[in-house]
Amino acid sequence: MRKTNKSTGGTSFHDTIIGTTVHTLKQLLGEPVCEDNTGMDKVNYEWEMETSNDDVFTVYDWKEYKSLHEHEIIEFHIGGHNKAITEQAKNEIYESLGKR
């Protein structure tokens, strides 16, 4: 899993989520490509990544409509071109976190 320079256009939500914090995601995925933690839009944070199979995916909070505390556990959505990609991304995130 790594940051991507590829387009993530056309990715979407396929019912894959991960419960974690902004702080943890920043440590694991680096700085987000989008960060507007005002709660005024549908997304406060978004990361654009690639799986080990070179498939693009995104990780983002969705419709929290509030500023997020860095250590608050929330459900982040994982977007991709299909369910298999989003599940692969979730598995790689959990492996990196030492969870299974």
PDB file of N, CA and C in Angstrom:
ATOM      1  N   MET A   1       0.851  -1.165   0.000  1.00  0.00           N
ATOM      2  CA  MET A   1       0.000   0.000   0.000  1.00  0.00           C
ATOM      3  C   MET A   1       0.903   1.235   0.000  1.00  0.00           C
ATOM      4  N   ARG A   2       0.525   2.191  -0.848  1.00  0.00           N
ATOM      5  CA  ARG A   2       1.322   3.414  -0.974  1.00  0.00           C
ATOM      6  C   ARG A   2       0.466   4.542  -1.537  1.00  0.00           C
ATOM      7  N   LYS A   3       0.962   5.760  -1.394  1.00  0.00           N
ATOM      8  CA  LYS A   3       0.297   6.901  -2.013  1.00  0.00           C
ATOM      9  C   LYS A   3       0.326   6.713  -3.519  1.00  0.00           C
ATOM     10  N   THR A   4      -0.648   7.305  -4.205  1.00  0.00           N
ATOM     11  CA  THR A   4      -0.704   7.165  -5.649  1.00  0.00           C
ATOM     12  C   THR A   4      -0.618   8.508  -6.345  1.00  0.00           C
ATOM     13  N   ASN A   5      -0.113   8.484  -7.560  1.00  0.00           N
ATOM     14  CA  ASN A   5      -0.159   9.636  -8.452  1.00  0.00           C
ATOM     15  C   ASN A   5      -1.183   9.405  -9.553  1.00  0.00           C
ATOM     16  N   LYS A   6      -1.794   8.211  -9.551  1.00  0.00           N
ATOM     17  CA  LYS A   6      -2.812   7.873 -10.546  1.00  0.00           C
ATOM     18  C   LYS A   6      -4.123   8.573 -10.199  1.00  0.00           C
ATOM     19  N   SER A   7      -4.966   8.719 -11.185  1.00  0.00           N
ATOM     20  CA  SER A   7      -6.286   9.302 -10.968  1.00  0.00           C
ATOM     21  C   SER A   7      -7.165   8.347 -10.161  1.00  0.00           C
ATOM     22  N   THR A   8      -7.878   8.890  -9.194  1.00  0.00           N
ATOM     23  CA  THR A   8      -8.842   8.091  -8.433  1.00  0.00           C
ATOM     24  C   THR A   8     -10.267   8.366  -8.922  1.00  0.00           C
ATOM     25  N   GLY A   9     -10.383   9.044 -10.044  1.00  0.00           N
ATOM     26  CA  GLY A   9     -11.699   9.315 -10.620  1.00  0.00           C
ATOM     27  C   GLY A   9     -12.446   8.025 -10.902  1.00  0.00           C
ATOM     28  N   GLY A  10     -13.718   8.020 -10.631  1.00  0.00           N
ATOM     29  CA  GLY A  10     -14.537   6.837 -10.862  1.00  0.00           C
ATOM     30  C   GLY A  10     -14.571   5.867  -9.700  1.00  0.00           C
ATOM     31  N   THR A  11     -13.810   6.154  -8.634  1.00  0.00           N
ATOM     32  CA  THR A  11     -13.902   5.297  -7.456  1.00  0.00           C
ATOM     33  C   THR A  11     -15.189   5.634  -6.709  1.00  0.00           C
ATOM     34  N   SER A  12     -15.700   4.669  -5.981  1.00  0.00           N
ATOM     35  CA  SER A  12     -16.925   4.891  -5.217  1.00  0.00           C
ATOM     36  C   SER A  12     -16.968   3.950  -4.022  1.00  0.00           C
ATOM     37  N   PHE A  13     -17.963   4.165  -3.182  1.00  0.00           N
ATOM     38  CA  PHE A  13     -18.146   3.395  -1.956  1.00  0.00           C
ATOM     39  C   PHE A  13     -18.814   2.067  -2.263  1.00  0.00           C
ATOM     40  N   HIS A  14     -18.245   0.973  -1.740  1.00  0.00           N
ATOM     41  CA  HIS A  14     -18.792  -0.376  -1.932  1.00  0.00           C
ATOM     42  C   HIS A  14     -19.021  -1.053  -0.582  1.00  0.00           C
ATOM     43  N   ASP A  15     -19.533  -0.286   0.368  1.00  0.00           N
ATOM     44  CA  ASP A  15     -19.871  -0.787   1.703  1.00  0.00           C
ATOM     45  C   ASP A  15     -18.654  -1.299   2.488  1.00  0.00           C
ATOM     46  N   THR A  16     -17.484  -0.730   2.229  1.00  0.00           N
ATOM     47  CA  THR A  16     -16.288  -1.105   2.970  1.00  0.00           C
ATOM     48  C   THR A  16     -15.889   0.074   3.855  1.00  0.00           C
ATOM     49  N   ILE A  17     -15.807  -0.175   5.155  1.00  0.00           N
ATOM     50  CA  ILE A  17     -15.458   0.877   6.110  1.00  0.00           C
ATOM     51  C   ILE A  17     -14.357   0.383   7.042  1.00  0.00           C
ATOM     52  N   ILE A  18     -13.730   1.348   7.696  1.00  0.00           N
ATOM     53  CA  ILE A  18     -12.725   1.022   8.707  1.00  0.00           C
ATOM     54  C   ILE A  18     -12.893   2.013   9.858  1.00  0.00           C
ATOM     55  N   GLY A  19     -12.964   1.500  11.071  1.00  0.00           N
ATOM     56  CA  GLY A  19     -13.075   2.344  12.253  1.00  0.00           C
ATOM     57  C   GLY A  19     -11.703   2.673  12.795  1.00  0.00           C
ATOM     58  N   THR A  20     -11.333   3.947  12.727  1.00  0.00           N
ATOM     59  CA  THR A  20     -10.016   4.366  13.198  1.00  0.00           C
ATOM     60  C   THR A  20     -10.024   5.879  13.414  1.00  0.00           C
ATOM     61  N   THR A  21      -8.855   6.441  13.661  1.00  0.00           N
ATOM     62  CA  THR A  21      -8.750   7.875  13.919  1.00  0.00           C
ATOM     63  C   THR A  21      -7.977   8.573  12.799  1.00  0.00           C
ATOM     64  N   VAL A  22      -8.151   9.876  12.711  1.00  0.00           N
ATOM     65  CA  VAL A  22      -7.382  10.692  11.780  1.00  0.00           C
ATOM     66  C   VAL A  22      -5.891  10.549  12.095  1.00  0.00           C
ATOM     67  N   HIS A  23      -5.562  10.585  13.363  1.00  0.00           N
ATOM     68  CA  HIS A  23      -4.170  10.470  13.791  1.00  0.00           C
ATOM     69  C   HIS A  23      -3.538   9.173  13.283  1.00  0.00           C
ATOM     70  N   THR A  24      -4.224   8.069  13.454  1.00  0.00           N
ATOM     71  CA  THR A  24      -3.714   6.774  13.012  1.00  0.00           C
ATOM     72  C   THR A  24      -3.547   6.744  11.504  1.00  0.00           C
ATOM     73  N   LEU A  25      -4.528   7.271  10.776  1.00  0.00           N
ATOM     74  CA  LEU A  25      -4.423   7.270   9.318  1.00  0.00           C
ATOM     75  C   LEU A  25      -3.270   8.152   8.837  1.00  0.00           C
ATOM     76  N   LYS A  26      -3.058   9.273   9.499  1.00  0.00           N
ATOM     77  CA  LYS A  26      -1.920  10.115   9.116  1.00  0.00           C
ATOM     78  C   LYS A  26      -0.601   9.392   9.339  1.00  0.00           C
ATOM     79  N   GLN A  27      -0.498   8.651  10.436  1.00  0.00           N
ATOM     80  CA  GLN A  27       0.727   7.892  10.709  1.00  0.00           C
ATOM     81  C   GLN A  27       0.925   6.788   9.679  1.00  0.00           C
ATOM     82  N   LEU A  28      -0.168   6.147   9.285  1.00  0.00           N
ATOM     83  CA  LEU A  28      -0.096   5.007   8.383  1.00  0.00           C
ATOM     84  C   LEU A  28      -0.024   5.418   6.910  1.00  0.00           C
ATOM     85  N   LEU A  29      -0.850   6.387   6.509  1.00  0.00           N
ATOM     86  CA  LEU A  29      -0.990   6.736   5.093  1.00  0.00           C
ATOM     87  C   LEU A  29      -0.298   8.042   4.716  1.00  0.00           C
ATOM     88  N   GLY A  30       0.178   8.767   5.714  1.00  0.00           N
ATOM     89  CA  GLY A  30       0.797  10.061   5.440  1.00  0.00           C
ATOM     90  C   GLY A  30      -0.248  11.173   5.479  1.00  0.00           C
ATOM     91  N   GLU A  31       0.151  12.337   5.022  1.00  0.00           N
ATOM     92  CA  GLU A  31      -0.769  13.467   5.030  1.00  0.00           C
ATOM     93  C   GLU A  31      -1.848  13.270   3.969  1.00  0.00           C
ATOM     94  N   PRO A  32      -3.084  13.655   4.262  1.00  0.00           N
ATOM     95  CA  PRO A  32      -4.167  13.501   3.282  1.00  0.00           C
ATOM     96  C   PRO A  32      -4.000  14.457   2.107  1.00  0.00           C
ATOM     97  N   VAL A  33      -4.575  14.094   0.969  1.00  0.00           N
ATOM     98  CA  VAL A  33      -4.556  14.981  -0.196  1.00  0.00           C
ATOM     99  C   VAL A  33      -5.574  16.095  -0.037  1.00  0.00           C
ATOM    100  N   CYS A  34      -6.569  15.844   0.787  1.00  0.00           N
ATOM    101  CA  CYS A  34      -7.606  16.832   1.074  1.00  0.00           C
ATOM    102  C   CYS A  34      -7.763  16.909   2.582  1.00  0.00           C
ATOM    103  N   GLU A  35      -7.656  18.114   3.115  1.00  0.00           N
ATOM    104  CA  GLU A  35      -7.863  18.301   4.549  1.00  0.00           C
ATOM    105  C   GLU A  35      -8.545  19.643   4.757  1.00  0.00           C
ATOM    106  N   ASP A  36      -9.815  19.578   5.150  1.00  0.00           N
ATOM    107  CA  ASP A  36     -10.606  20.769   5.442  1.00  0.00           C
ATOM    108  C   ASP A  36     -11.502  20.425   6.623  1.00  0.00           C
ATOM    109  N   ASN A  37     -10.899  20.360   7.793  1.00  0.00           N
ATOM    110  CA  ASN A  37     -11.581  19.859   8.985  1.00  0.00           C
ATOM    111  C   ASN A  37     -12.498  20.914   9.608  1.00  0.00           C
ATOM    112  N   THR A  38     -13.398  21.441   8.795  1.00  0.00           N
ATOM    113  CA  THR A  38     -14.353  22.447   9.283  1.00  0.00           C
ATOM    114  C   THR A  38     -15.726  21.847   9.557  1.00  0.00           C
ATOM    115  N   GLY A  39     -15.992  20.682   8.977  1.00  0.00           N
ATOM    116  CA  GLY A  39     -17.313  20.086   9.103  1.00  0.00           C
ATOM    117  C   GLY A  39     -18.339  20.716   8.185  1.00  0.00           C
ATOM    118  N   MET A  40     -17.893  21.592   7.303  1.00  0.00           N
ATOM    119  CA  MET A  40     -18.809  22.318   6.429  1.00  0.00           C
ATOM    120  C   MET A  40     -19.086  21.589   5.118  1.00  0.00           C
ATOM    121  N   ASP A  41     -18.342  20.552   4.826  1.00  0.00           N
ATOM    122  CA  ASP A  41     -18.520  19.801   3.586  1.00  0.00           C
ATOM    123  C   ASP A  41     -18.750  18.332   3.921  1.00  0.00           C
ATOM    124  N   LYS A  42     -18.993  17.525   2.906  1.00  0.00           N
ATOM    125  CA  LYS A  42     -19.247  16.100   3.119  1.00  0.00           C
ATOM    126  C   LYS A  42     -18.006  15.353   3.587  1.00  0.00           C
ATOM    127  N   VAL A  43     -16.817  15.862   3.243  1.00  0.00           N
ATOM    128  CA  VAL A  43     -15.556  15.193   3.572  1.00  0.00           C
ATOM    129  C   VAL A  43     -14.613  16.183   4.244  1.00  0.00           C
ATOM    130  N   ASN A  44     -14.030  15.780   5.368  1.00  0.00           N
ATOM    131  CA  ASN A  44     -12.998  16.578   6.040  1.00  0.00           C
ATOM    132  C   ASN A  44     -11.594  16.139   5.629  1.00  0.00           C
ATOM    133  N   TYR A  45     -11.405  14.832   5.453  1.00  0.00           N
ATOM    134  CA  TYR A  45     -10.095  14.263   5.137  1.00  0.00           C
ATOM    135  C   TYR A  45     -10.247  13.224   4.031  1.00  0.00           C
ATOM    136  N   GLU A  46      -9.250  13.199   3.132  1.00  0.00           N
ATOM    137  CA  GLU A  46      -9.240  12.160   2.094  1.00  0.00           C
ATOM    138  C   GLU A  46      -7.801  11.813   1.723  1.00  0.00           C
ATOM    139  N   TRP A  47      -7.554  10.503   1.627  1.00  0.00           N
ATOM    140  CA  TRP A  47      -6.269   9.982   1.189  1.00  0.00           C
ATOM    141  C   TRP A  47      -6.480   9.254  -0.126  1.00  0.00           C
ATOM    142  N   GLU A  48      -5.525   9.385  -1.066  1.00  0.00           N
ATOM    143  CA  GLU A  48      -5.543   8.667  -2.338  1.00  0.00           C
ATOM    144  C   GLU A  48      -4.369   7.704  -2.334  1.00  0.00           C
ATOM    145  N   MET A  49      -4.667   6.423  -2.470  1.00  0.00           N
ATOM    146  CA  MET A  49      -3.670   5.375  -2.276  1.00  0.00           C
ATOM    147  C   MET A  49      -3.748   4.335  -3.388  1.00  0.00           C
ATOM    148  N   GLU A  50      -2.780   3.385  -3.361  1.00  0.00           N
ATOM    149  CA  GLU A  50      -2.781   2.207  -4.227  1.00  0.00           C
ATOM    150  C   GLU A  50      -2.564   0.971  -3.376  1.00  0.00           C
ATOM    151  N   THR A  51      -3.221  -0.104  -3.751  1.00  0.00           N
ATOM    152  CA  THR A  51      -2.973  -1.384  -3.098  1.00  0.00           C
ATOM    153  C   THR A  51      -1.662  -1.964  -3.617  1.00  0.00           C
ATOM    154  N   SER A  52      -1.244  -3.066  -3.047  1.00  0.00           N
ATOM    155  CA  SER A  52      -0.037  -3.763  -3.520  1.00  0.00           C
ATOM    156  C   SER A  52      -0.239  -4.321  -4.929  1.00  0.00           C
ATOM    157  N   ASN A  53      -1.496  -4.381  -5.381  1.00  0.00           N
ATOM    158  CA  ASN A  53      -1.816  -4.838  -6.744  1.00  0.00           C
ATOM    159  C   ASN A  53      -1.923  -3.668  -7.728  1.00  0.00           C
ATOM    160  N   ASP A  54      -1.527  -2.471  -7.280  1.00  0.00           N
ATOM    161  CA  ASP A  54      -1.554  -1.259  -8.116  1.00  0.00           C
ATOM    162  C   ASP A  54      -2.951  -0.727  -8.409  1.00  0.00           C
ATOM    163  N   ASP A  55      -3.945  -1.133  -7.626  1.00  0.00           N
ATOM    164  CA  ASP A  55      -5.306  -0.607  -7.778  1.00  0.00           C
ATOM    165  C   ASP A  55      -5.482   0.619  -6.886  1.00  0.00           C
ATOM    166  N   VAL A  56      -6.079   1.683  -7.428  1.00  0.00           N
ATOM    167  CA  VAL A  56      -6.270   2.903  -6.646  1.00  0.00           C
ATOM    168  C   VAL A  56      -7.467   2.762  -5.710  1.00  0.00           C
ATOM    169  N   PHE A  57      -7.370   3.452  -4.570  1.00  0.00           N
ATOM    170  CA  PHE A  57      -8.484   3.532  -3.631  1.00  0.00           C
ATOM    171  C   PHE A  57      -8.372   4.822  -2.848  1.00  0.00           C
ATOM    172  N   THR A  58      -9.466   5.204  -2.229  1.00  0.00           N
ATOM    173  CA  THR A  58      -9.501   6.396  -1.388  1.00  0.00           C
ATOM    174  C   THR A  58      -9.983   6.021   0.004  1.00  0.00           C
ATOM    175  N   VAL A  59      -9.557   6.797   0.980  1.00  0.00           N
ATOM    176  CA  VAL A  59     -10.024   6.651   2.360  1.00  0.00           C
ATOM    177  C   VAL A  59     -10.510   8.031   2.777  1.00  0.00           C
ATOM    178  N   TYR A  60     -11.736   8.111   3.296  1.00  0.00           N
ATOM    179  CA  TYR A  60     -12.318   9.415   3.613  1.00  0.00           C
ATOM    180  C   TYR A  60     -13.435   9.282   4.642  1.00  0.00           C
ATOM    181  N   ASP A  61     -13.595  10.347   5.426  1.00  0.00           N
ATOM    182  CA  ASP A  61     -14.765  10.395   6.300  1.00  0.00           C
ATOM    183  C   ASP A  61     -15.932  10.859   5.435  1.00  0.00           C
ATOM    184  N   TRP A  62     -17.158  10.503   5.807  1.00  0.00           N
ATOM    185  CA  TRP A  62     -18.305  10.831   4.971  1.00  0.00           C
ATOM    186  C   TRP A  62     -19.448  11.383   5.808  1.00  0.00           C
ATOM    187  N   LYS A  63     -19.802  12.605   5.508  1.00  0.00           N
ATOM    188  CA  LYS A  63     -20.953  13.288   6.101  1.00  0.00           C
ATOM    189  C   LYS A  63     -20.930  13.317   7.627  1.00  0.00           C
ATOM    190  N   GLU A  64     -19.777  13.603   8.194  1.00  0.00           N
ATOM    191  CA  GLU A  64     -19.702  13.785   9.648  1.00  0.00           C
ATOM    192  C   GLU A  64     -20.278  15.149  10.033  1.00  0.00           C
ATOM    193  N   TYR A  65     -20.134  16.124   9.159  1.00  0.00           N
ATOM    194  CA  TYR A  65     -20.644  17.487   9.344  1.00  0.00           C
ATOM    195  C   TYR A  65     -20.261  18.099  10.686  1.00  0.00           C
ATOM    196  N   LYS A  66     -19.022  17.849  11.076  1.00  0.00           N
ATOM    197  CA  LYS A  66     -18.438  18.444  12.280  1.00  0.00           C
ATOM    198  C   LYS A  66     -16.928  18.365  12.140  1.00  0.00           C
ATOM    199  N   SER A  67     -16.218  19.192  12.859  1.00  0.00           N
ATOM    200  CA  SER A  67     -14.765  19.073  12.910  1.00  0.00           C
ATOM    201  C   SER A  67     -14.426  17.798  13.666  1.00  0.00           C
ATOM    202  N   LEU A  68     -13.440  17.083  13.188  1.00  0.00           N
ATOM    203  CA  LEU A  68     -13.059  15.819  13.812  1.00  0.00           C
ATOM    204  C   LEU A  68     -11.846  16.012  14.702  1.00  0.00           C
ATOM    205  N   HIS A  69     -11.893  15.419  15.875  1.00  0.00           N
ATOM    206  CA  HIS A  69     -10.739  15.403  16.776  1.00  0.00           C
ATOM    207  C   HIS A  69      -9.773  14.348  16.250  1.00  0.00           C
ATOM    208  N   GLU A  70      -8.495  14.617  16.291  1.00  0.00           N
ATOM    209  CA  GLU A  70      -7.474  13.715  15.734  1.00  0.00           C
ATOM    210  C   GLU A  70      -7.521  12.305  16.332  1.00  0.00           C
ATOM    211  N   HIS A  71      -7.993  12.171  17.567  1.00  0.00           N
ATOM    212  CA  HIS A  71      -7.995  10.864  18.229  1.00  0.00           C
ATOM    213  C   HIS A  71      -9.398  10.277  18.383  1.00  0.00           C
ATOM    214  N   GLU A  72     -10.360  10.848  17.704  1.00  0.00           N
ATOM    215  CA  GLU A  72     -11.745  10.364  17.736  1.00  0.00           C
ATOM    216  C   GLU A  72     -11.895   9.208  16.750  1.00  0.00           C
ATOM    217  N   ILE A  73     -12.415   8.102  17.214  1.00  0.00           N
ATOM    218  CA  ILE A  73     -12.648   6.961  16.322  1.00  0.00           C
ATOM    219  C   ILE A  73     -13.929   7.206  15.546  1.00  0.00           C
ATOM    220  N   ILE A  74     -13.800   7.174  14.228  1.00  0.00           N
ATOM    221  CA  ILE A  74     -14.974   7.287  13.356  1.00  0.00           C
ATOM    222  C   ILE A  74     -14.877   6.222  12.270  1.00  0.00           C
ATOM    223  N   GLU A  75     -15.953   6.039  11.533  1.00  0.00           N
ATOM    224  CA  GLU A  75     -15.959   5.099  10.420  1.00  0.00           C
ATOM    225  C   GLU A  75     -15.548   5.835   9.154  1.00  0.00           C
ATOM    226  N   PHE A  76     -14.402   5.446   8.607  1.00  0.00           N
ATOM    227  CA  PHE A  76     -13.930   5.991   7.341  1.00  0.00           C
ATOM    228  C   PHE A  76     -14.382   5.077   6.214  1.00  0.00           C
ATOM    229  N   HIS A  77     -14.800   5.671   5.118  1.00  0.00           N
ATOM    230  CA  HIS A  77     -15.179   4.912   3.931  1.00  0.00           C
ATOM    231  C   HIS A  77     -13.929   4.603   3.118  1.00  0.00           C
ATOM    232  N   ILE A  78     -13.947   3.471   2.446  1.00  0.00           N
ATOM    233  CA  ILE A  78     -12.906   3.121   1.491  1.00  0.00           C
ATOM    234  C   ILE A  78     -13.573   3.043   0.128  1.00  0.00           C
ATOM    235  N   GLY A  79     -13.096   3.849  -0.797  1.00  0.00           N
ATOM    236  CA  GLY A  79     -13.655   3.882  -2.147  1.00  0.00           C
ATOM    237  C   GLY A  79     -12.713   3.208  -3.124  1.00  0.00           C
ATOM    238  N   GLY A  80     -13.283   2.577  -4.131  1.00  0.00           N
ATOM    239  CA  GLY A  80     -12.488   1.918  -5.167  1.00  0.00           C
ATOM    240  C   GLY A  80     -13.348   1.671  -6.386  1.00  0.00           C
ATOM    241  N   HIS A  81     -12.774   1.012  -7.380  1.00  0.00           N
ATOM    242  CA  HIS A  81     -13.530   0.727  -8.600  1.00  0.00           C
ATOM    243  C   HIS A  81     -14.457  -0.477  -8.448  1.00  0.00           C
ATOM    244  N   ASN A  82     -14.229  -1.297  -7.416  1.00  0.00           N
ATOM    245  CA  ASN A  82     -15.140  -2.411  -7.139  1.00  0.00           C
ATOM    246  C   ASN A  82     -14.926  -2.895  -5.704  1.00  0.00           C
ATOM    247  N   LYS A  83     -15.791  -3.765  -5.251  1.00  0.00           N
ATOM    248  CA  LYS A  83     -15.763  -4.284  -3.884  1.00  0.00           C
ATOM    249  C   LYS A  83     -14.473  -5.051  -3.587  1.00  0.00           C
ATOM    250  N   ALA A  84     -13.968  -5.798  -4.550  1.00  0.00           N
ATOM    251  CA  ALA A  84     -12.739  -6.565  -4.328  1.00  0.00           C
ATOM    252  C   ALA A  84     -11.569  -5.633  -4.010  1.00  0.00           C
ATOM    253  N   ILE A  85     -11.496  -4.509  -4.699  1.00  0.00           N
ATOM    254  CA  ILE A  85     -10.413  -3.552  -4.446  1.00  0.00           C
ATOM    255  C   ILE A  85     -10.563  -2.927  -3.067  1.00  0.00           C
ATOM    256  N   THR A  86     -11.772  -2.537  -2.696  1.00  0.00           N
ATOM    257  CA  THR A  86     -11.948  -1.893  -1.386  1.00  0.00           C
ATOM    258  C   THR A  86     -11.677  -2.872  -0.249  1.00  0.00           C
ATOM    259  N   GLU A  87     -12.032  -4.123  -0.423  1.00  0.00           N
ATOM    260  CA  GLU A  87     -11.742  -5.129   0.593  1.00  0.00           C
ATOM    261  C   GLU A  87     -10.236  -5.401   0.673  1.00  0.00           C
ATOM    262  N   GLN A  88      -9.555  -5.428  -0.476  1.00  0.00           N
ATOM    263  CA  GLN A  88      -8.098  -5.592  -0.493  1.00  0.00           C
ATOM    264  C   GLN A  88      -7.446  -4.426   0.250  1.00  0.00           C
ATOM    265  N   ALA A  89      -7.917  -3.218  -0.021  1.00  0.00           N
ATOM    266  CA  ALA A  89      -7.381  -2.029   0.649  1.00  0.00           C
ATOM    267  C   ALA A  89      -7.586  -2.120   2.158  1.00  0.00           C
ATOM    268  N   LYS A  90      -8.775  -2.511   2.573  1.00  0.00           N
ATOM    269  CA  LYS A  90      -9.077  -2.654   3.995  1.00  0.00           C
ATOM    270  C   LYS A  90      -8.143  -3.676   4.642  1.00  0.00           C
ATOM    271  N   ASN A  91      -7.940  -4.809   3.975  1.00  0.00           N
ATOM    272  CA  ASN A  91      -7.050  -5.846   4.499  1.00  0.00           C
ATOM    273  C   ASN A  91      -5.621  -5.341   4.628  1.00  0.00           C
ATOM    274  N   GLU A  92      -5.158  -4.578   3.650  1.00  0.00           N
ATOM    275  CA  GLU A  92      -3.797  -4.050   3.707  1.00  0.00           C
ATOM    276  C   GLU A  92      -3.664  -3.007   4.817  1.00  0.00           C
ATOM    277  N   ILE A  93      -4.697  -2.219   5.026  1.00  0.00           N
ATOM    278  CA  ILE A  93      -4.674  -1.259   6.127  1.00  0.00           C
ATOM    279  C   ILE A  93      -4.608  -1.996   7.462  1.00  0.00           C
ATOM    280  N   TYR A  94      -5.474  -3.005   7.633  1.00  0.00           N
ATOM    281  CA  TYR A  94      -5.466  -3.778   8.880  1.00  0.00           C
ATOM    282  C   TYR A  94      -4.127  -4.490   9.089  1.00  0.00           C
ATOM    283  N   GLU A  95      -3.551  -5.033   8.027  1.00  0.00           N
ATOM    284  CA  GLU A  95      -2.238  -5.679   8.162  1.00  0.00           C
ATOM    285  C   GLU A  95      -1.200  -4.672   8.631  1.00  0.00           C
ATOM    286  N   SER A  96      -1.252  -3.478   8.078  1.00  0.00           N
ATOM    287  CA  SER A  96      -0.302  -2.430   8.488  1.00  0.00           C
ATOM    288  C   SER A  96      -0.515  -1.998   9.924  1.00  0.00           C
ATOM    289  N   LEU A  97      -1.725  -2.105  10.396  1.00  0.00           N
ATOM    290  CA  LEU A  97      -2.046  -1.742  11.782  1.00  0.00           C
ATOM    291  C   LEU A  97      -1.787  -2.902  12.741  1.00  0.00           C
ATOM    292  N   GLY A  98      -1.430  -4.062  12.206  1.00  0.00           N
ATOM    293  CA  GLY A  98      -1.179  -5.222  13.056  1.00  0.00           C
ATOM    294  C   GLY A  98      -2.448  -5.917  13.501  1.00  0.00           C
ATOM    295  N   LYS A  99      -3.551  -5.680  12.760  1.00  0.00           N
ATOM    296  CA  LYS A  99      -4.834  -6.305  13.093  1.00  0.00           C
ATOM    297  C   LYS A  99      -5.175  -7.320  12.019  1.00  0.00           C
ATOM    298  N   ARG A 100      -6.043  -8.245  12.359  1.00  0.00           N
ATOM    299  CA  ARG A 100      -6.547  -9.202  11.368  1.00  0.00           C
ATOM    300  C   ARG A 100      -7.918  -9.618  11.728  1.00  0.00           C
TER     301      ARG A 100
END
